[in-house]
C-alpha atoms as a PDB file:
ATOM      1  CA  UNK A   1      -4.335   7.289   2.878  1.00  0.00           C
ATOM      2  CA  UNK A   2      -7.186  10.176   2.328  1.00  0.00           C
ATOM      3  CA  UNK A   3      -9.290  10.547   5.768  1.00  0.00           C
ATOM      4  CA  UNK A   4     -11.789  12.723   7.276  1.00  0.00           C
ATOM      5  CA  UNK A   5     -13.158  13.516  10.491  1.00  0.00           C
ATOM      6  CA  UNK A   6     -16.653  14.800  10.939  1.00  0.00           C
ATOM      7  CA  UNK A   7     -18.211  16.015  14.646  1.00  0.00           C
ATOM      8  CA  UNK A   8     -19.570  19.185  15.675  1.00  0.00           C
ATOM      9  CA  UNK A   9     -17.442  19.772  18.093  1.00  0.00           C
ATOM     10  CA  UNK A  10     -14.075  20.686  15.860  1.00  0.00           C
ATOM     11  CA  UNK A  11     -11.668  20.037  18.597  1.00  0.00           C
ATOM     12  CA  UNK A  12     -12.720  16.248  18.544  1.00  0.00           C
ATOM     13  CA  UNK A  13     -12.509  15.825  14.876  1.00  0.00           C
ATOM     14  CA  UNK A  14      -8.756  17.968  14.621  1.00  0.00           C
ATOM     15  CA  UNK A  15      -7.775  15.255  17.509  1.00  0.00           C
ATOM     16  CA  UNK A  16      -8.616  12.378  15.255  1.00  0.00           C
ATOM     17  CA  UNK A  17      -6.762  14.429  12.664  1.00  0.00           C
ATOM     18  CA  UNK A  18      -3.694  14.905  14.870  1.00  0.00           C
ATOM     19  CA  UNK A  19      -3.771  10.955  15.775  1.00  0.00           C
ATOM     20  CA  UNK A  20      -3.792  10.286  11.986  1.00  0.00           C
ATOM     21  CA  UNK A  21      -0.885  12.810  10.933  1.00  0.00           C
ATOM     22  CA  UNK A  22       1.140  11.179  13.481  1.00  0.00           C
ATOM     23  CA  UNK A  23       0.439   7.799  12.298  1.00  0.00           C
ATOM     24  CA  UNK A  24      -0.028   8.295   8.283  1.00  0.00           C
ATOM     25  CA  UNK A  25       2.596  11.819   7.908  1.00  0.00           C
ATOM     26  CA  UNK A  26       2.139  11.046   3.921  1.00  0.00           C
ATOM     27  CA  UNK A  27      -1.376  11.286   3.729  1.00  0.00           C
ATOM     28  CA  UNK A  28      -4.141  13.743   3.556  1.00  0.00           C
ATOM     29  CA  UNK A  29      -6.301  14.055   6.965  1.00  0.00           C
ATOM     30  CA  UNK A  30      -8.630  16.863   7.295  1.00  0.00           C
ATOM     31  CA  UNK A  31     -11.354  17.731   9.659  1.00  0.00           C
ATOM     32  CA  UNK A  32     -14.954  19.243   9.745  1.00  0.00           C
ATOM     33  CA  UNK A  33     -17.785  20.757  12.095  1.00  0.00           C
ATOM     34  CA  UNK A  34     -20.164  21.223   9.084  1.00  0.00           C
ATOM     35  CA  UNK A  35     -21.588  18.462   7.546  1.00  0.00           C
ATOM     36  CA  UNK A  36     -22.525  19.877   4.143  1.00  0.00           C
ATOM     37  CA  UNK A  37     -19.005  21.049   3.525  1.00  0.00           C
ATOM     38  CA  UNK A  38     -17.897  17.181   4.350  1.00  0.00           C
ATOM     39  CA  UNK A  39     -20.152  16.143   1.902  1.00  0.00           C
ATOM     40  CA  UNK A  40     -18.404  18.215  -0.763  1.00  0.00           C
ATOM     41  CA  UNK A  41     -15.029  17.320   0.352  1.00  0.00           C
ATOM     42  CA  UNK A  42     -16.355  13.297   0.135  1.00  0.00           C
ATOM     43  CA  UNK A  43     -17.603  13.732  -3.581  1.00  0.00           C
ATOM     44  CA  UNK A  44     -14.115  15.346  -4.331  1.00  0.00           C
ATOM     45  CA  UNK A  45     -11.732  13.074  -2.784  1.00  0.00           C
ATOM     46  CA  UNK A  46     -13.726   9.553  -2.019  1.00  0.00           C
ATOM     47  CA  UNK A  47     -11.793   9.461   1.019  1.00  0.00           C
ATOM     48  CA  UNK A  48     -10.399   5.816   2.494  1.00  0.00           C
ATOM     49  CA  UNK A  49     -11.596   6.449   5.800  1.00  0.00           C
ATOM     50  CA  UNK A  50     -14.588   8.597   7.388  1.00  0.00           C
ATOM     51  CA  UNK A  51     -14.003   9.341  11.586  1.00  0.00           C
ATOM     52  CA  UNK A  52     -17.833  10.161  12.336  1.00  0.00           C
ATOM     53  CA  UNK A  53     -19.871  11.476  15.102  1.00  0.00           C
ATOM     54  CA  UNK A  54     -22.903   9.910  15.959  1.00  0.00           C
ATOM     55  CA  UNK A  55     -25.218  12.816  17.439  1.00  0.00           C
ATOM     56  CA  UNK A  56     -24.824  16.010  15.685  1.00  0.00           C
ATOM     57  CA  UNK A  57     -27.185  18.571  15.032  1.00  0.00           C
ATOM     58  CA  UNK A  58     -29.194  18.618  11.891  1.00  0.00           C
ATOM     59  CA  UNK A  59     -27.668  15.222  10.205  1.00  0.00           C
ATOM     60  CA  UNK A  60     -26.906  12.353  12.335  1.00  0.00           C
ATOM     61  CA  UNK A  61     -23.629  10.663  11.671  1.00  0.00           C
ATOM     62  CA  UNK A  62     -25.317   7.322  11.056  1.00  0.00           C
ATOM     63  CA  UNK A  63     -27.527   9.746   8.307  1.00  0.00           C
ATOM     64  CA  UNK A  64     -24.077  10.874   7.160  1.00  0.00           C
ATOM     65  CA  UNK A  65     -23.046   7.274   6.799  1.00  0.00           C
ATOM     66  CA  UNK A  66     -25.519   6.177   4.635  1.00  0.00           C
ATOM     67  CA  UNK A  67     -24.783   9.055   1.940  1.00  0.00           C
ATOM     68  CA  UNK A  68     -21.431   8.322   2.432  1.00  0.00           C
ATOM     69  CA  UNK A  69     -22.148   4.833   1.045  1.00  0.00           C
ATOM     70  CA  UNK A  70     -23.986   6.029  -1.911  1.00  0.00           C
ATOM     71  CA  UNK A  71     -21.387   8.689  -2.738  1.00  0.00           C
ATOM     72  CA  UNK A  72     -18.264   6.517  -2.209  1.00  0.00           C
ATOM     73  CA  UNK A  73     -18.842   2.769  -1.288  1.00  0.00           C
ATOM     74  CA  UNK A  74     -15.145   1.814  -0.690  1.00  0.00           C
ATOM     75  CA  UNK A  75     -14.667   4.452   2.326  1.00  0.00           C
ATOM     76  CA  UNK A  76     -14.394   2.939   5.827  1.00  0.00           C
ATOM     77  CA  UNK A  77     -16.963   4.548   8.215  1.00  0.00           C
ATOM     78  CA  UNK A  78     -15.470   4.439  11.872  1.00  0.00           C
ATOM     79  CA  UNK A  79     -18.152   5.968  14.460  1.00  0.00           C
ATOM     80  CA  UNK A  80     -16.930   7.880  17.045  1.00  0.00           C
ATOM     81  CA  UNK A  81     -19.260   8.431  19.544  1.00  0.00           C
ATOM     82  CA  UNK A  82     -19.442   8.904  23.626  1.00  0.00           C
ATOM     83  CA  UNK A  83     -22.527   5.987  23.755  1.00  0.00           C
ATOM     84  CA  UNK A  84     -22.197   2.307  23.345  1.00  0.00           C
ATOM     85  CA  UNK A  85     -25.931   2.558  22.646  1.00  0.00           C
ATOM     86  CA  UNK A  86     -25.156   3.030  19.140  1.00  0.00           C
ATOM     87  CA  UNK A  87     -23.057  -0.011  18.443  1.00  0.00           C
ATOM     88  CA  UNK A  88     -26.435  -1.850  16.780  1.00  0.00           C
ATOM     89  CA  UNK A  89     -27.171   0.925  14.653  1.00  0.00           C
ATOM     90  CA  UNK A  90     -23.968   1.536  13.333  1.00  0.00           C
ATOM     91  CA  UNK A  91     -23.177  -2.575  12.385  1.00  0.00           C
ATOM     92  CA  UNK A  92     -26.463  -2.143  10.734  1.00  0.00           C
ATOM     93  CA  UNK A  93     -25.019   0.276   8.336  1.00  0.00           C
ATOM     94  CA  UNK A  94     -22.400  -2.309   7.876  1.00  0.00           C
ATOM     95  CA  UNK A  95     -19.672  -0.003   9.280  1.00  0.00           C
ATOM     96  CA  UNK A  96     -15.920  -0.685   9.703  1.00  0.00           C
ATOM     97  CA  UNK A  97     -15.524   0.546  13.419  1.00  0.00           C
ATOM     98  CA  UNK A  98     -16.742   1.874  16.585  1.00  0.00           C
ATOM     99  CA  UNK A  99     -14.583   3.746  19.043  1.00  0.00           C
ATOM    100  CA  UNK A 100     -15.907   5.559  22.315  1.00  0.00           C
ATOM    101  CA  UNK A 101     -14.959   9.322  23.183  1.00  0.00           C
ATOM    102  CA  UNK A 102     -12.452   9.386  24.706  1.00  0.00           C
ATOM    103  CA  UNK A 103     -10.305   7.707  22.326  1.00  0.00           C
ATOM    104  CA  UNK A 104      -6.604   7.281  22.377  1.00  0.00           C
ATOM    105  CA  UNK A 105      -4.256   6.663  19.550  1.00  0.00           C
ATOM    106  CA  UNK A 106      -4.110   2.716  20.153  1.00  0.00           C
ATOM    107  CA  UNK A 107      -8.284   3.021  19.561  1.00  0.00           C
ATOM    108  CA  UNK A 108      -7.449   4.419  16.193  1.00  0.00           C
ATOM    109  CA  UNK A 109      -4.659   2.131  15.210  1.00  0.00           C
ATOM    110  CA  UNK A 110      -7.013  -0.987  16.390  1.00  0.00           C
ATOM    111  CA  UNK A 111      -9.722   0.310  13.817  1.00  0.00           C
ATOM    112  CA  UNK A 112      -7.035   0.847  10.907  1.00  0.00           C
ATOM    113  CA  UNK A 113      -5.512  -2.890  11.172  1.00  0.00           C
ATOM    114  CA  UNK A 114      -8.983  -3.903  10.909  1.00  0.00           C
ATOM    115  CA  UNK A 115     -10.514  -2.056   7.972  1.00  0.00           C
ATOM    116  CA  UNK A 116     -13.855  -3.607   6.299  1.00  0.00           C
ATOM    117  CA  UNK A 117     -12.461  -2.179   2.788  1.00  0.00           C
ATOM    118  CA  UNK A 118      -8.544  -2.605   2.657  1.00  0.00           C
ATOM    119  CA  UNK A 119      -6.762   0.254   1.290  1.00  0.00           C
ATOM    120  CA  UNK A 120      -4.920   0.026  -2.096  1.00  0.00           C
ATOM    121  CA  UNK A 121      -1.823   2.632  -1.715  1.00  0.00           C
ATOM    122  CA  UNK A 122      -2.270   5.205  -3.796  1.00  0.00           C
ATOM    123  CA  UNK A 123       0.333   5.117  -6.829  1.00  0.00           C
ATOM    124  CA  UNK A 124       2.901   8.214  -7.551  1.00  0.00           C
ATOM    125  CA  UNK A 125       2.327   9.865 -10.696  1.00  0.00           C
ATOM    126  CA  UNK A 126       3.974   7.658 -13.578  1.00  0.00           C
ATOM    127  CA  UNK A 127       5.677   5.030 -11.522  1.00  0.00           C
ATOM    128  CA  UNK A 128       5.218   1.017 -11.729  1.00  0.00           C
ATOM    129  CA  UNK A 129       3.881  -0.281  -8.711  1.00  0.00           C
ATOM    130  CA  UNK A 130       5.583  -3.258  -7.076  1.00  0.00           C
ATOM    131  CA  UNK A 131       4.364  -5.218  -4.342  1.00  0.00           C
ATOM    132  CA  UNK A 132       6.571  -7.488  -2.571  1.00  0.00           C
ATOM    133  CA  UNK A 133       4.579  -8.507   0.768  1.00  0.00           C
ATOM    134  CA  UNK A 134       2.938 -11.623  -0.035  1.00  0.00           C
ATOM    135  CA  UNK A 135       3.574 -12.890  -4.011  1.00  0.00           C
ATOM    136  CA  UNK A 136       5.849 -10.603  -5.753  1.00  0.00           C
ATOM    137  CA  UNK A 137       3.219  -9.075  -8.455  1.00  0.00           C
ATOM    138  CA  UNK A 138       3.888  -5.811 -10.700  1.00  0.00           C
ATOM    139  CA  UNK A 139       0.872  -3.122 -11.678  1.00  0.00           C
ATOM    140  CA  UNK A 140       1.250  -0.280 -14.131  1.00  0.00           C
ATOM    141  CA  UNK A 141       0.374   3.521 -13.703  1.00  0.00           C
ATOM    142  CA  UNK A 142      -2.892   2.364 -14.198  1.00  0.00           C
ATOM    143  CA  UNK A 143      -3.439  -0.167 -11.548  1.00  0.00           C
ATOM    144  CA  UNK A 144      -3.361  -3.229 -13.974  1.00  0.00           C
ATOM    145  CA  UNK A 145      -1.700  -5.823 -13.541  1.00  0.00           C
ATOM    146  CA  UNK A 146       1.383  -6.046 -15.749  1.00  0.00           C
ATOM    147  CA  UNK A 147       1.592  -9.214 -18.073  1.00  0.00           C
ATOM    148  CA  UNK A 148       5.393 -11.299 -18.383  1.00  0.00           C
ATOM    149  CA  UNK A 149       5.582 -13.262 -21.643  1.00  0.00           C
ATOM    150  CA  UNK A 150       7.847 -15.539 -19.518  1.00  0.00           C
ATOM    151  CA  UNK A 151       8.263 -16.176 -16.236  1.00  0.00           C
ATOM    152  CA  UNK A 152      11.628 -16.130 -15.961  1.00  0.00           C
ATOM    153  CA  UNK A 153      11.680 -12.184 -17.042  1.00  0.00           C
ATOM    154  CA  UNK A 154       9.494 -11.582 -14.130  1.00  0.00           C
ATOM    155  CA  UNK A 155      11.748 -13.305 -11.504  1.00  0.00           C
ATOM    156  CA  UNK A 156      14.741 -11.112 -12.804  1.00  0.00           C
ATOM    157  CA  UNK A 157      12.889  -7.996 -11.935  1.00  0.00           C
ATOM    158  CA  UNK A 158      11.933  -9.092  -8.696  1.00  0.00           C
ATOM    159  CA  UNK A 159      15.530 -10.407  -7.649  1.00  0.00           C
ATOM    160  CA  UNK A 160      16.478  -6.861  -9.028  1.00  0.00           C
ATOM    161  CA  UNK A 161      13.945  -4.988  -7.049  1.00  0.00           C
ATOM    162  CA  UNK A 162      14.987  -7.181  -3.985  1.00  0.00           C
ATOM    163  CA  UNK A 163      18.742  -5.842  -4.769  1.00  0.00           C
ATOM    164  CA  UNK A 164      17.375  -2.671  -4.218  1.00  0.00           C
ATOM    165  CA  UNK A 165      18.877  -0.570  -6.934  1.00  0.00           C
ATOM    166  CA  UNK A 166      22.269  -2.259  -6.526  1.00  0.00           C
ATOM    167  CA  UNK A 167      23.948  -3.711  -9.828  1.00  0.00           C
ATOM    168  CA  UNK A 168      23.589  -7.584 -10.047  1.00  0.00           C
ATOM    169  CA  UNK A 169      26.482  -9.498 -12.490  1.00  0.00           C
ATOM    170  CA  UNK A 170      25.581 -11.663 -14.779  1.00  0.00           C
ATOM    171  CA  UNK A 171      26.915 -14.448 -12.775  1.00  0.00           C
ATOM    172  CA  UNK A 172      24.801 -13.792 -10.504  1.00  0.00           C
ATOM    173  CA  UNK A 173      21.508 -13.457 -11.698  1.00  0.00           C
ATOM    174  CA  UNK A 174      22.823 -16.928 -13.880  1.00  0.00           C
ATOM    175  CA  UNK A 175      23.503 -18.218 -10.190  1.00  0.00           C
ATOM    176  CA  UNK A 176      19.638 -17.521  -9.326  1.00  0.00           C
ATOM    177  CA  UNK A 177      17.731 -18.593 -12.276  1.00  0.00           C
ATOM    178  CA  UNK A 178      20.156 -21.561 -13.465  1.00  0.00           C
ATOM    179  CA  UNK A 179      21.351 -22.901 -10.719  1.00  0.00           C
ATOM    180  CA  UNK A 180      24.675 -21.949 -10.084  1.00  0.00           C
ATOM    181  CA  UNK A 181      25.780 -22.788 -13.741  1.00  0.00           C
ATOM    182  CA  UNK A 182      27.407 -19.329 -14.089  1.00  0.00           C
ATOM    183  CA  UNK A 183      30.173 -20.197 -16.333  1.00  0.00           C
ATOM    184  CA  UNK A 184      27.504 -21.921 -18.911  1.00  0.00           C
ATOM    185  CA  UNK A 185      27.682 -19.927 -21.991  1.00  0.00           C
ATOM    186  CA  UNK A 186      24.248 -21.178 -22.670  1.00  0.00           C
ATOM    187  CA  UNK A 187      22.777 -20.067 -19.214  1.00  0.00           C
ATOM    188  CA  UNK A 188      24.495 -16.358 -20.454  1.00  0.00           C
ATOM    189  CA  UNK A 189      22.839 -16.312 -23.784  1.00  0.00           C
ATOM    190  CA  UNK A 190      19.028 -17.142 -22.359  1.00  0.00           C
ATOM    191  CA  UNK A 191      19.711 -13.980 -19.593  1.00  0.00           C
ATOM    192  CA  UNK A 192      20.322 -11.767 -22.328  1.00  0.00           C
ATOM    193  CA  UNK A 193      17.063 -12.985 -23.876  1.00  0.00           C
ATOM    194  CA  UNK A 194      14.964 -13.221 -20.798  1.00  0.00           C
ATOM    195  CA  UNK A 195      16.390  -9.125 -20.260  1.00  0.00           C
ATOM    196  CA  UNK A 196      15.641  -8.106 -23.911  1.00  0.00           C
ATOM    197  CA  UNK A 197      11.842 -10.178 -23.360  1.00  0.00           C
ATOM    198  CA  UNK A 198      11.721  -8.302 -19.896  1.00  0.00           C
ATOM    199  CA  UNK A 199      12.456  -5.073 -21.366  1.00  0.00           C
ATOM    200  CA  UNK A 200       9.800  -5.504 -24.156  1.00  0.00           C
ATOM    201  CA  UNK A 201       7.307  -6.425 -21.404  1.00  0.00           C
ATOM    202  CA  UNK A 202       7.815  -3.219 -19.639  1.00  0.00           C
ATOM    203  CA  UNK A 203       8.031  -1.465 -22.696  1.00  0.00           C
ATOM    204  CA  UNK A 204       4.189  -2.260 -23.404  1.00  0.00           C
ATOM    205  CA  UNK A 205       3.390  -0.295 -20.205  1.00  0.00           C
ATOM    206  CA  UNK A 206       5.916   2.787 -20.740  1.00  0.00           C
ATOM    207  CA  UNK A 207       8.282   1.554 -17.792  1.00  0.00           C
ATOM    208  CA  UNK A 208      11.434   0.214 -19.987  1.00  0.00           C
ATOM    209  CA  UNK A 209      13.650   2.672 -17.993  1.00  0.00           C
ATOM    210  CA  UNK A 210      13.228   0.744 -15.257  1.00  0.00           C
ATOM    211  CA  UNK A 211      15.587  -1.280 -16.275  1.00  0.00           C
ATOM    212  CA  UNK A 212      19.740   0.177 -15.854  1.00  0.00           C
ATOM    213  CA  UNK A 213      22.272  -1.922 -17.933  1.00  0.00           C
ATOM    214  CA  UNK A 214      25.892  -1.291 -16.987  1.00  0.00           C
ATOM    215  CA  UNK A 215      28.855  -3.477 -18.129  1.00  0.00           C
ATOM    216  CA  UNK A 216      28.294  -7.022 -17.371  1.00  0.00           C
ATOM    217  CA  UNK A 217      25.425  -6.667 -15.123  1.00  0.00           C
ATOM    218  CA  UNK A 218      22.165  -5.162 -14.356  1.00  0.00           C
ATOM    219  CA  UNK A 219      19.739  -3.157 -11.761  1.00  0.00           C
ATOM    220  CA  UNK A 220      16.716  -1.240 -11.498  1.00  0.00           C
ATOM    221  CA  UNK A 221      15.884   2.454 -11.147  1.00  0.00           C
ATOM    222  CA  UNK A 222      14.906   2.362  -7.891  1.00  0.00           C
ATOM    223  CA  UNK A 223      13.146   6.003  -7.904  1.00  0.00           C
ATOM    224  CA  UNK A 224      10.935   4.683 -11.001  1.00  0.00           C
ATOM    225  CA  UNK A 225       9.217   2.495  -8.910  1.00  0.00           C
ATOM    226  CA  UNK A 226       6.466   2.586  -5.805  1.00  0.00           C
ATOM    227  CA  UNK A 227       7.302  -0.620  -4.030  1.00  0.00           C
ATOM    228  CA  UNK A 228       6.277  -1.499  -0.497  1.00  0.00           C
ATOM    229  CA  UNK A 229       8.988  -3.255   0.861  1.00  0.00           C
ATOM    230  CA  UNK A 230      11.098  -0.199   0.264  1.00  0.00           C
ATOM    231  CA  UNK A 231       8.577   1.733   1.874  1.00  0.00           C
ATOM    232  CA  UNK A 232       8.544  -0.618   5.188  1.00  0.00           C
ATOM    233  CA  UNK A 233      12.461   0.222   5.157  1.00  0.00           C
ATOM    234  CA  UNK A 234      12.251   3.986   5.168  1.00  0.00           C
ATOM    235  CA  UNK A 235       9.433   3.268   7.802  1.00  0.00           C
ATOM    236  CA  UNK A 236       6.059   4.201   6.407  1.00  0.00           C
ATOM    237  CA  UNK A 237       3.449   3.190   8.886  1.00  0.00           C
ATOM    238  CA  UNK A 238       0.751   2.102   6.241  1.00  0.00           C
ATOM    239  CA  UNK A 239       3.785  -0.549   4.693  1.00  0.00           C
ATOM    240  CA  UNK A 240       4.886  -1.997   8.041  1.00  0.00           C
ATOM    241  CA  UNK A 241       1.139  -2.410   8.926  1.00  0.00           C
ATOM    242  CA  UNK A 242       0.520  -4.505   5.728  1.00  0.00           C
ATOM    243  CA  UNK A 243       3.642  -6.747   6.173  1.00  0.00           C
ATOM    244  CA  UNK A 244       2.192 -10.158   7.520  1.00  0.00           C
ATOM    245  CA  UNK A 245       5.451 -12.201   7.396  1.00  0.00           C
ATOM    246  CA  UNK A 246       5.316 -12.937   3.604  1.00  0.00           C
ATOM    247  CA  UNK A 247       7.777 -11.621   1.201  1.00  0.00           C
ATOM    248  CA  UNK A 248       7.852 -12.599  -2.773  1.00  0.00           C
ATOM    249  CA  UNK A 249       6.558 -16.380  -1.750  1.00  0.00           C
ATOM    250  CA  UNK A 250       6.862 -17.623  -4.837  1.00  0.00           C
ATOM    251  CA  UNK A 251      11.014 -17.377  -4.635  1.00  0.00           C
ATOM    252  CA  UNK A 252      12.905 -19.432  -2.515  1.00  0.00           C
ATOM    253  CA  UNK A 253      15.862 -17.059  -2.802  1.00  0.00           C
ATOM    254  CA  UNK A 254      13.846 -14.667  -1.606  1.00  0.00           C
ATOM    255  CA  UNK A 255      14.041 -16.566   2.087  1.00  0.00           C
ATOM    256  CA  UNK A 256      16.802 -14.388   3.195  1.00  0.00           C
ATOM    257  CA  UNK A 257      14.848 -10.665   2.924  1.00  0.00           C
ATOM    258  CA  UNK A 258      12.207 -12.297   4.404  1.00  0.00           C
ATOM    259  CA  UNK A 259      14.170 -13.216   7.384  1.00  0.00           C
ATOM    260  CA  UNK A 260      15.665  -9.892   7.977  1.00  0.00           C
ATOM    261  CA  UNK A 261      12.276  -8.312   7.704  1.00  0.00           C
ATOM    262  CA  UNK A 262      10.781 -10.270  10.318  1.00  0.00           C
ATOM    263  CA  UNK A 263      13.954  -9.440  12.571  1.00  0.00           C
ATOM    264  CA  UNK A 264      13.478  -6.221  12.065  1.00  0.00           C
ATOM    265  CA  UNK A 265       9.617  -6.300  12.532  1.00  0.00           C
ATOM    266  CA  UNK A 266      10.233  -8.011  16.028  1.00  0.00           C
ATOM    267  CA  UNK A 267      13.036  -5.228  17.227  1.00  0.00           C
ATOM    268  CA  UNK A 268      10.624  -2.703  16.406  1.00  0.00           C
END
């Protein structure tokens, strides 16, 4: 996540940055006391969230918000002020949120959990992006949905993602796709066909090396994908906040992992 905090009192702006760094340690968070310098940064980076003081000399936070909306319409504006009287004006600008000084970390988290414009996690360079929370979806490095010629091919990839890089035998994969017909030669032949088509689908987006093949088994190279499920397990704050008790909803076999995620969420 990219965020910017603007306040003529630099200590207040830096306090927001400190809290944001605790919440999102892998993000980019900067503080400014000078509005013109802040505008230069906004034009360059198009931040996900802008935390703005309202009463500032020269250009007020309300005026700055209007400029930001012209430069970066998807940036979430959250006003940070010591006066409730500005609430109505902030809502007229369709701000995402409003917190009062002095603020706490809990106030910042509350606003991040209710952003007007949802933040799409930025892709790591060259990686396939995979969404497991909600329905299982796959996006190429440009953010476009990957087209699978067969639904079974997509399900195969989903299962391998669920296994987090562990190799899965042909029998295990047939059991998932063909209702335990693991000794059926026809099923094993179909499995090989689906993997061949899956490789072609991934090759079309330059990601065929995601699939790993070993003797009588398949897996994925987890280092070549960006995945909300994996980020959640690693404790990534954004992934944790995005989990809404839904996981690969179109596949019944995913219910076991969903149960584990819910238990983990309840215990955290």
